N, C-alpha and C. Protein backbone atom coordinates (compact mmCIF):
# COMPACT_ATOMS: atom_id res chain seq x y z
N MET A 1 -19.86 18.03 -1.11
CA MET A 1 -19.10 17.17 -1.98
C MET A 1 -17.74 16.90 -1.33
N LYS A 2 -17.33 15.67 -1.32
CA LYS A 2 -16.06 15.28 -0.71
C LYS A 2 -14.99 15.19 -1.79
N TYR A 3 -13.88 15.88 -1.54
CA TYR A 3 -12.73 15.76 -2.42
C TYR A 3 -11.59 15.20 -1.59
N GLY A 4 -11.01 14.14 -2.03
CA GLY A 4 -9.92 13.62 -1.25
C GLY A 4 -9.36 12.35 -1.84
N MET A 5 -8.36 11.89 -1.12
CA MET A 5 -7.66 10.68 -1.51
C MET A 5 -7.39 9.95 -0.19
N ASP A 6 -8.14 8.93 0.10
CA ASP A 6 -7.99 8.21 1.35
C ASP A 6 -7.04 7.04 1.15
N VAL A 7 -5.88 7.13 1.79
CA VAL A 7 -4.84 6.11 1.67
C VAL A 7 -4.33 5.79 3.07
N VAL A 8 -4.19 4.51 3.35
CA VAL A 8 -3.67 4.06 4.64
C VAL A 8 -2.40 3.26 4.41
N PHE A 9 -1.33 3.64 5.12
CA PHE A 9 -0.07 2.89 5.10
C PHE A 9 0.14 2.30 6.48
N VAL A 10 0.37 1.00 6.54
CA VAL A 10 0.63 0.34 7.82
C VAL A 10 1.92 -0.47 7.69
N GLY A 11 2.52 -0.75 8.80
CA GLY A 11 3.74 -1.54 8.82
C GLY A 11 3.54 -2.78 9.64
N HIS A 12 4.53 -3.16 10.36
CA HIS A 12 4.58 -4.29 11.29
C HIS A 12 4.67 -5.64 10.59
N GLU A 13 3.78 -5.93 9.65
CA GLU A 13 3.89 -7.20 8.94
C GLU A 13 5.16 -7.16 8.09
N HIS A 14 5.82 -8.28 7.95
CA HIS A 14 7.13 -8.31 7.30
C HIS A 14 7.03 -8.72 5.84
N PHE A 15 6.17 -8.01 5.11
CA PHE A 15 5.98 -8.22 3.68
C PHE A 15 5.30 -6.99 3.11
N TYR A 16 5.09 -6.97 1.81
CA TYR A 16 4.33 -5.91 1.16
C TYR A 16 3.01 -6.49 0.68
N GLU A 17 1.93 -5.74 0.91
CA GLU A 17 0.65 -6.14 0.34
C GLU A 17 -0.19 -4.90 0.10
N ARG A 18 -0.88 -4.90 -1.03
CA ARG A 18 -1.88 -3.89 -1.35
C ARG A 18 -3.19 -4.63 -1.53
N ILE A 19 -4.22 -4.17 -0.83
CA ILE A 19 -5.52 -4.80 -1.01
C ILE A 19 -6.38 -3.90 -1.88
N LYS A 20 -7.40 -4.48 -2.47
CA LYS A 20 -8.30 -3.72 -3.32
C LYS A 20 -8.99 -2.64 -2.50
N GLN A 21 -9.31 -1.57 -3.18
CA GLN A 21 -9.96 -0.44 -2.55
C GLN A 21 -11.21 -0.88 -1.80
N GLN A 22 -11.35 -0.41 -0.56
CA GLN A 22 -12.49 -0.75 0.29
C GLN A 22 -13.20 0.52 0.70
N LYS A 23 -14.42 0.72 0.24
CA LYS A 23 -15.23 1.90 0.57
C LYS A 23 -14.45 3.19 0.33
N GLY A 24 -13.73 3.24 -0.78
CA GLY A 24 -13.00 4.43 -1.17
C GLY A 24 -11.62 4.58 -0.54
N VAL A 25 -11.20 3.61 0.26
CA VAL A 25 -9.90 3.70 0.94
C VAL A 25 -8.94 2.70 0.33
N HIS A 26 -7.72 3.16 0.06
CA HIS A 26 -6.64 2.32 -0.47
C HIS A 26 -5.73 1.92 0.69
N TYR A 27 -5.40 0.63 0.80
CA TYR A 27 -4.61 0.11 1.91
C TYR A 27 -3.30 -0.50 1.43
N PHE A 28 -2.21 -0.12 2.08
CA PHE A 28 -0.89 -0.66 1.79
C PHE A 28 -0.27 -1.16 3.09
N THR A 29 0.27 -2.37 3.08
CA THR A 29 1.06 -2.88 4.19
C THR A 29 2.49 -2.95 3.68
N THR A 30 3.40 -2.27 4.36
CA THR A 30 4.79 -2.25 3.93
C THR A 30 5.69 -2.36 5.14
N GLY A 31 6.33 -3.51 5.27
CA GLY A 31 7.20 -3.76 6.40
C GLY A 31 8.34 -4.66 6.01
N GLY A 32 8.90 -4.45 4.85
CA GLY A 32 9.88 -5.38 4.30
C GLY A 32 11.31 -5.08 4.62
N ALA A 33 11.60 -4.47 5.77
CA ALA A 33 12.99 -4.19 6.12
C ALA A 33 13.45 -5.02 7.31
N ALA A 34 12.62 -5.88 7.81
CA ALA A 34 12.98 -6.70 8.96
C ALA A 34 12.99 -8.17 8.53
N LYS A 35 12.87 -9.07 9.48
CA LYS A 35 12.87 -10.50 9.16
C LYS A 35 11.75 -10.83 8.18
N LEU A 36 12.11 -11.52 7.10
CA LEU A 36 11.12 -11.88 6.08
C LEU A 36 10.13 -12.91 6.61
N ARG A 37 8.89 -12.81 6.13
CA ARG A 37 7.86 -13.79 6.49
C ARG A 37 7.23 -14.30 5.21
N ARG A 38 7.92 -15.16 4.54
CA ARG A 38 7.41 -15.73 3.29
C ARG A 38 6.18 -16.58 3.57
N GLY A 39 5.21 -16.47 2.68
CA GLY A 39 4.01 -17.30 2.79
C GLY A 39 2.92 -16.74 3.66
N ASP A 40 3.08 -15.54 4.22
CA ASP A 40 2.06 -14.97 5.10
C ASP A 40 1.00 -14.15 4.36
N ILE A 41 1.15 -13.99 3.07
CA ILE A 41 0.16 -13.23 2.30
C ILE A 41 -0.92 -14.18 1.80
N ASP A 42 -2.17 -13.84 2.08
CA ASP A 42 -3.29 -14.65 1.61
C ASP A 42 -3.70 -14.17 0.23
N ARG A 43 -3.14 -14.77 -0.79
CA ARG A 43 -3.40 -14.35 -2.17
C ARG A 43 -4.75 -14.86 -2.69
N GLU A 44 -5.40 -15.71 -1.96
CA GLU A 44 -6.68 -16.29 -2.40
C GLU A 44 -7.88 -15.45 -1.99
N THR A 45 -7.69 -14.46 -1.13
CA THR A 45 -8.81 -13.64 -0.69
C THR A 45 -9.25 -12.69 -1.80
N ASP A 46 -10.50 -12.30 -1.78
CA ASP A 46 -11.02 -11.36 -2.77
C ASP A 46 -10.44 -9.96 -2.60
N PHE A 47 -9.82 -9.67 -1.46
CA PHE A 47 -9.27 -8.35 -1.18
C PHE A 47 -7.88 -8.16 -1.78
N HIS A 48 -7.17 -9.24 -2.05
CA HIS A 48 -5.77 -9.17 -2.47
C HIS A 48 -5.64 -8.52 -3.85
N ALA A 49 -4.78 -7.50 -3.95
CA ALA A 49 -4.50 -6.86 -5.23
C ALA A 49 -3.06 -7.11 -5.66
N ALA A 50 -2.11 -7.04 -4.72
CA ALA A 50 -0.70 -7.27 -5.04
C ALA A 50 0.03 -7.62 -3.75
N GLY A 51 1.15 -8.33 -3.90
CA GLY A 51 1.92 -8.67 -2.71
C GLY A 51 3.33 -9.11 -3.08
N PHE A 52 4.22 -9.02 -2.09
CA PHE A 52 5.61 -9.42 -2.29
C PHE A 52 6.17 -9.85 -0.95
N ASP A 53 6.63 -11.10 -0.88
CA ASP A 53 7.24 -11.60 0.35
C ASP A 53 8.49 -12.44 0.05
N GLU A 54 9.08 -12.20 -1.11
CA GLU A 54 10.24 -12.98 -1.54
C GLU A 54 11.56 -12.29 -1.24
N GLY A 55 11.52 -11.11 -0.66
CA GLY A 55 12.74 -10.37 -0.33
C GLY A 55 12.36 -9.06 0.33
N TYR A 56 13.37 -8.27 0.63
CA TYR A 56 13.12 -6.96 1.24
C TYR A 56 12.60 -6.00 0.18
N HIS A 57 12.01 -4.90 0.63
CA HIS A 57 11.46 -3.94 -0.31
C HIS A 57 11.37 -2.57 0.35
N PHE A 58 11.12 -1.57 -0.48
CA PHE A 58 10.73 -0.26 0.01
C PHE A 58 9.72 0.32 -0.96
N ILE A 59 9.00 1.36 -0.51
CA ILE A 59 7.98 1.97 -1.35
C ILE A 59 8.29 3.45 -1.54
N LEU A 60 8.22 3.89 -2.78
CA LEU A 60 8.35 5.30 -3.13
C LEU A 60 6.95 5.85 -3.35
N VAL A 61 6.68 7.01 -2.79
CA VAL A 61 5.38 7.65 -2.96
C VAL A 61 5.64 9.10 -3.35
N GLU A 62 4.94 9.54 -4.37
CA GLU A 62 5.06 10.93 -4.82
C GLU A 62 3.66 11.44 -5.13
N ILE A 63 3.35 12.62 -4.63
CA ILE A 63 2.06 13.24 -4.91
C ILE A 63 2.31 14.43 -5.83
N VAL A 64 1.67 14.39 -7.00
CA VAL A 64 1.78 15.45 -7.98
C VAL A 64 0.37 15.87 -8.35
N ASP A 65 0.06 17.12 -8.09
CA ASP A 65 -1.28 17.65 -8.35
C ASP A 65 -2.33 16.75 -7.69
N ASP A 66 -3.19 16.12 -8.46
CA ASP A 66 -4.27 15.30 -7.92
C ASP A 66 -4.00 13.81 -8.01
N ALA A 67 -2.73 13.43 -8.03
CA ALA A 67 -2.41 12.01 -8.19
C ALA A 67 -1.30 11.58 -7.23
N LEU A 68 -1.50 10.41 -6.62
CA LEU A 68 -0.48 9.78 -5.79
C LEU A 68 0.12 8.64 -6.61
N HIS A 69 1.40 8.72 -6.87
CA HIS A 69 2.12 7.69 -7.62
C HIS A 69 2.87 6.82 -6.61
N PHE A 70 2.79 5.51 -6.76
CA PHE A 70 3.54 4.63 -5.87
C PHE A 70 4.30 3.59 -6.68
N GLN A 71 5.45 3.20 -6.14
CA GLN A 71 6.27 2.16 -6.75
C GLN A 71 6.94 1.39 -5.63
N VAL A 72 6.76 0.08 -5.65
CA VAL A 72 7.38 -0.80 -4.66
C VAL A 72 8.57 -1.47 -5.33
N ILE A 73 9.74 -1.35 -4.70
CA ILE A 73 10.98 -1.84 -5.30
C ILE A 73 11.60 -2.87 -4.37
N SER A 74 12.00 -4.01 -4.95
CA SER A 74 12.61 -5.09 -4.17
C SER A 74 14.08 -4.77 -3.90
N ASP A 75 14.68 -5.55 -3.03
CA ASP A 75 16.09 -5.38 -2.72
C ASP A 75 16.99 -5.74 -3.90
N ARG A 76 16.41 -6.30 -4.94
CA ARG A 76 17.16 -6.60 -6.17
C ARG A 76 16.93 -5.54 -7.25
N GLY A 77 16.21 -4.47 -6.89
CA GLY A 77 15.99 -3.38 -7.82
C GLY A 77 14.84 -3.57 -8.78
N GLN A 78 14.02 -4.58 -8.55
CA GLN A 78 12.88 -4.85 -9.44
C GLN A 78 11.62 -4.16 -8.90
N THR A 79 10.82 -3.62 -9.80
CA THR A 79 9.53 -3.07 -9.41
C THR A 79 8.56 -4.23 -9.24
N VAL A 80 8.00 -4.36 -8.04
CA VAL A 80 7.07 -5.46 -7.77
C VAL A 80 5.61 -5.01 -7.76
N ASP A 81 5.39 -3.70 -7.69
CA ASP A 81 4.04 -3.15 -7.80
C ASP A 81 4.19 -1.65 -8.04
N SER A 82 3.25 -1.09 -8.76
CA SER A 82 3.25 0.35 -8.99
C SER A 82 1.87 0.77 -9.45
N GLY A 83 1.61 2.04 -9.37
CA GLY A 83 0.32 2.54 -9.83
C GLY A 83 0.11 3.99 -9.49
N VAL A 84 -1.07 4.47 -9.81
CA VAL A 84 -1.47 5.85 -9.56
C VAL A 84 -2.85 5.84 -8.93
N ILE A 85 -3.01 6.61 -7.89
CA ILE A 85 -4.32 6.80 -7.25
C ILE A 85 -4.68 8.26 -7.46
N ARG A 86 -5.81 8.49 -8.07
CA ARG A 86 -6.23 9.86 -8.38
C ARG A 86 -7.24 10.38 -7.36
N ARG A 87 -7.15 11.66 -7.09
CA ARG A 87 -8.11 12.31 -6.20
C ARG A 87 -9.48 12.28 -6.85
N THR A 88 -10.50 11.99 -6.06
CA THR A 88 -11.86 11.94 -6.60
C THR A 88 -12.56 13.26 -6.39
């Protein structure tokens, strides 16, 4: 029996995007501290869950017991995405 929480964080792209879970893996792209690239998120794809390219951002991640809590905050202090991923 597999117990785990498969999460991938990648950077490089100059925006935030979370795609829908793929084969049990959660994917986050977070690179909002450099030159902005507005319009580079493909919101029409079936994989898209959330995205932000209107300003800079950072992501807070906290793991408590069997849950990973995440919150993406814009440079204006607004939460642009948040959620909880539970260990299976």
